[in-house]
Amino acid sequence: MIDRTILVKFGEQTTQEQLQEIVERFKALKEHLTGVIEVNAGINFSDNNKGYQLVLRVRFEDQAALEAYGPNPNHQAVAALIREYGREDSIAANIEV
């Protein structure tokens, strides 16, 4: 299995409502992706968040499912929304579990 975790930093103009919309849209991706075991998303409330407000996590069955995730049109729609709402930076990490 592969876990992918993404931390996203937004500009000051991004509202809590927009962040929550992204969380809900990201969680809904599970129905549109094959080879996905679990999808989690939430607003980061850590005091040591370095400005990264959103945490997105996907657990894939294998490398093939991870590779299919990127170009998936439903994933691309959420990625476009993240950019539209003011993404300034993101960090992604993939680990085998």
C-alpha atoms as a PDB file:
ATOM      1  CA  MET A   1       0.000   0.000   0.000  1.00  0.00           C
ATOM      2  CA  ILE A   2       1.010   3.593  -0.558  1.00  0.00           C
ATOM      3  CA  ASP A   3       0.053   6.592   1.564  1.00  0.00           C
ATOM      4  CA  ARG A   4       0.132  10.025  -0.077  1.00  0.00           C
ATOM      5  CA  THR A   5      -0.097  13.072   2.189  1.00  0.00           C
ATOM      6  CA  ILE A   6      -0.375  16.612   0.852  1.00  0.00           C
ATOM      7  CA  LEU A   7      -0.090  19.803   2.896  1.00  0.00           C
ATOM      8  CA  VAL A   8      -1.477  22.939   1.254  1.00  0.00           C
ATOM      9  CA  LYS A   9      -0.823  26.587   2.105  1.00  0.00           C
ATOM     10  CA  PHE A  10      -3.262  29.270   0.975  1.00  0.00           C
ATOM     11  CA  GLY A  11      -3.168  33.051   0.856  1.00  0.00           C
ATOM     12  CA  GLU A  12      -4.896  35.321   3.337  1.00  0.00           C
ATOM     13  CA  GLN A  13      -7.838  35.787   0.958  1.00  0.00           C
ATOM     14  CA  THR A  14      -8.877  32.120   1.284  1.00  0.00           C
ATOM     15  CA  THR A  15     -11.855  31.708   3.608  1.00  0.00           C
ATOM     16  CA  GLN A  16     -12.655  28.912   6.049  1.00  0.00           C
ATOM     17  CA  GLU A  17     -15.724  28.146   3.937  1.00  0.00           C
ATOM     18  CA  GLN A  18     -13.537  27.656   0.864  1.00  0.00           C
ATOM     19  CA  LEU A  19     -11.194  25.378   2.810  1.00  0.00           C
ATOM     20  CA  GLN A  20     -14.159  23.327   4.027  1.00  0.00           C
ATOM     21  CA  GLU A  21     -15.492  23.057   0.463  1.00  0.00           C
ATOM     22  CA  ILE A  22     -12.140  21.666  -0.677  1.00  0.00           C
ATOM     23  CA  VAL A  23     -12.179  19.159   2.202  1.00  0.00           C
ATOM     24  CA  GLU A  24     -15.630  17.906   1.214  1.00  0.00           C
ATOM     25  CA  ARG A  25     -14.836  17.759  -2.518  1.00  0.00           C
ATOM     26  CA  PHE A  26     -11.570  15.921  -1.808  1.00  0.00           C
ATOM     27  CA  LYS A  27     -13.293  13.344   0.404  1.00  0.00           C
ATOM     28  CA  ALA A  28     -15.852  12.746  -2.355  1.00  0.00           C
ATOM     29  CA  LEU A  29     -13.052  11.689  -4.719  1.00  0.00           C
ATOM     30  CA  LYS A  30     -13.069   8.174  -3.229  1.00  0.00           C
ATOM     31  CA  GLU A  31     -16.157   7.294  -5.293  1.00  0.00           C
ATOM     32  CA  HIS A  32     -14.382   8.293  -8.511  1.00  0.00           C
ATOM     33  CA  LEU A  33     -10.985   6.637  -8.057  1.00  0.00           C
ATOM     34  CA  THR A  34     -10.035   3.001  -8.505  1.00  0.00           C
ATOM     35  CA  GLY A  35      -7.494   1.330  -6.273  1.00  0.00           C
ATOM     36  CA  VAL A  36      -8.133   3.748  -3.406  1.00  0.00           C
ATOM     37  CA  ILE A  37      -8.540   2.301   0.062  1.00  0.00           C
ATOM     38  CA  GLU A  38      -9.097   5.483   2.051  1.00  0.00           C
ATOM     39  CA  VAL A  39      -9.384   9.250   1.565  1.00  0.00           C
ATOM     40  CA  ASN A  40      -9.050  11.768   4.411  1.00  0.00           C
ATOM     41  CA  ALA A  41      -8.939  15.543   4.452  1.00  0.00           C
ATOM     42  CA  GLY A  42      -9.181  18.262   7.044  1.00  0.00           C
ATOM     43  CA  ILE A  43      -8.216  21.720   8.182  1.00  0.00           C
ATOM     44  CA  ASN A  44      -4.896  21.685  10.037  1.00  0.00           C
ATOM     45  CA  PHE A  45      -5.267  22.952  13.611  1.00  0.00           C
ATOM     46  CA  SER A  46      -1.683  22.281  14.718  1.00  0.00           C
ATOM     47  CA  ASP A  47       0.142  25.183  16.379  1.00  0.00           C
ATOM     48  CA  ASN A  48       3.247  24.184  14.398  1.00  0.00           C
ATOM     49  CA  ASN A  49       1.680  24.147  10.930  1.00  0.00           C
ATOM     50  CA  LYS A  50       4.116  26.553   9.203  1.00  0.00           C
ATOM     51  CA  GLY A  51       1.114  28.119   7.460  1.00  0.00           C
ATOM     52  CA  TYR A  52      -0.134  24.904   5.823  1.00  0.00           C
ATOM     53  CA  GLN A  53      -3.874  25.001   6.448  1.00  0.00           C
ATOM     54  CA  LEU A  54      -5.067  21.876   4.658  1.00  0.00           C
ATOM     55  CA  VAL A  55      -4.071  18.212   5.007  1.00  0.00           C
ATOM     56  CA  LEU A  56      -5.134  15.753   2.306  1.00  0.00           C
ATOM     57  CA  ARG A  57      -4.369  12.024   2.498  1.00  0.00           C
ATOM     58  CA  VAL A  58      -5.036   9.102   0.174  1.00  0.00           C
ATOM     59  CA  ARG A  59      -4.169   5.437   0.734  1.00  0.00           C
ATOM     60  CA  PHE A  60      -3.709   3.479  -2.506  1.00  0.00           C
ATOM     61  CA  GLU A  61      -3.650  -0.267  -3.074  1.00  0.00           C
ATOM     62  CA  ASP A  62      -0.505  -0.032  -5.182  1.00  0.00           C
ATOM     63  CA  GLN A  63       1.727   2.108  -7.397  1.00  0.00           C
ATOM     64  CA  ALA A  64      -0.613   1.725 -10.386  1.00  0.00           C
ATOM     65  CA  ALA A  65      -3.488   3.296  -8.428  1.00  0.00           C
ATOM     66  CA  LEU A  66      -1.228   6.190  -7.405  1.00  0.00           C
ATOM     67  CA  GLU A  67      -0.217   6.764 -11.026  1.00  0.00           C
ATOM     68  CA  ALA A  68      -3.875   6.732 -12.177  1.00  0.00           C
ATOM     69  CA  TYR A  69      -4.809   9.302  -9.492  1.00  0.00           C
ATOM     70  CA  GLY A  70      -2.895  12.275 -10.924  1.00  0.00           C
ATOM     71  CA  PRO A  71      -4.541  12.500 -14.365  1.00  0.00           C
ATOM     72  CA  ASN A  72      -8.015  11.462 -13.140  1.00  0.00           C
ATOM     73  CA  PRO A  73     -10.454  14.230 -14.258  1.00  0.00           C
ATOM     74  CA  ASN A  74     -12.213  14.312 -10.875  1.00  0.00           C
ATOM     75  CA  HIS A  75      -8.889  14.774  -9.107  1.00  0.00           C
ATOM     76  CA  GLN A  76      -7.909  17.440 -11.627  1.00  0.00           C
ATOM     77  CA  ALA A  77     -11.160  19.324 -10.885  1.00  0.00           C
ATOM     78  CA  VAL A  78     -10.337  19.433  -7.162  1.00  0.00           C
ATOM     79  CA  ALA A  79      -6.751  20.484  -7.935  1.00  0.00           C
ATOM     80  CA  ALA A  80      -8.122  23.337 -10.093  1.00  0.00           C
ATOM     81  CA  LEU A  81     -10.392  24.428  -7.238  1.00  0.00           C
ATOM     82  CA  ILE A  82      -7.413  24.455  -4.863  1.00  0.00           C
ATOM     83  CA  ARG A  83      -5.524  26.725  -7.273  1.00  0.00           C
ATOM     84  CA  GLU A  84      -8.586  28.930  -7.804  1.00  0.00           C
ATOM     85  CA  TYR A  85      -8.995  29.417  -4.049  1.00  0.00           C
ATOM     86  CA  GLY A  86      -5.454  30.726  -3.672  1.00  0.00           C
ATOM     87  CA  ARG A  87      -2.961  27.904  -3.190  1.00  0.00           C
ATOM     88  CA  GLU A  88       0.440  29.413  -2.492  1.00  0.00           C
ATOM     89  CA  ASP A  89       2.417  26.242  -1.835  1.00  0.00           C
ATOM     90  CA  SER A  90       2.040  22.530  -1.284  1.00  0.00           C
ATOM     91  CA  ILE A  91       4.145  19.632  -0.083  1.00  0.00           C
ATOM     92  CA  ALA A  92       3.479  16.018  -1.007  1.00  0.00           C
ATOM     93  CA  ALA A  93       4.932  12.879   0.556  1.00  0.00           C
ATOM     94  CA  ASN A  94       4.461   9.264  -0.565  1.00  0.00           C
ATOM     95  CA  ILE A  95       5.376   6.318   1.646  1.00  0.00           C
ATOM     96  CA  GLU A  96       4.934   2.562   1.347  1.00  0.00           C
ATOM     97  CA  VAL A  97       3.114   1.000   4.284  1.00  0.00           C
END
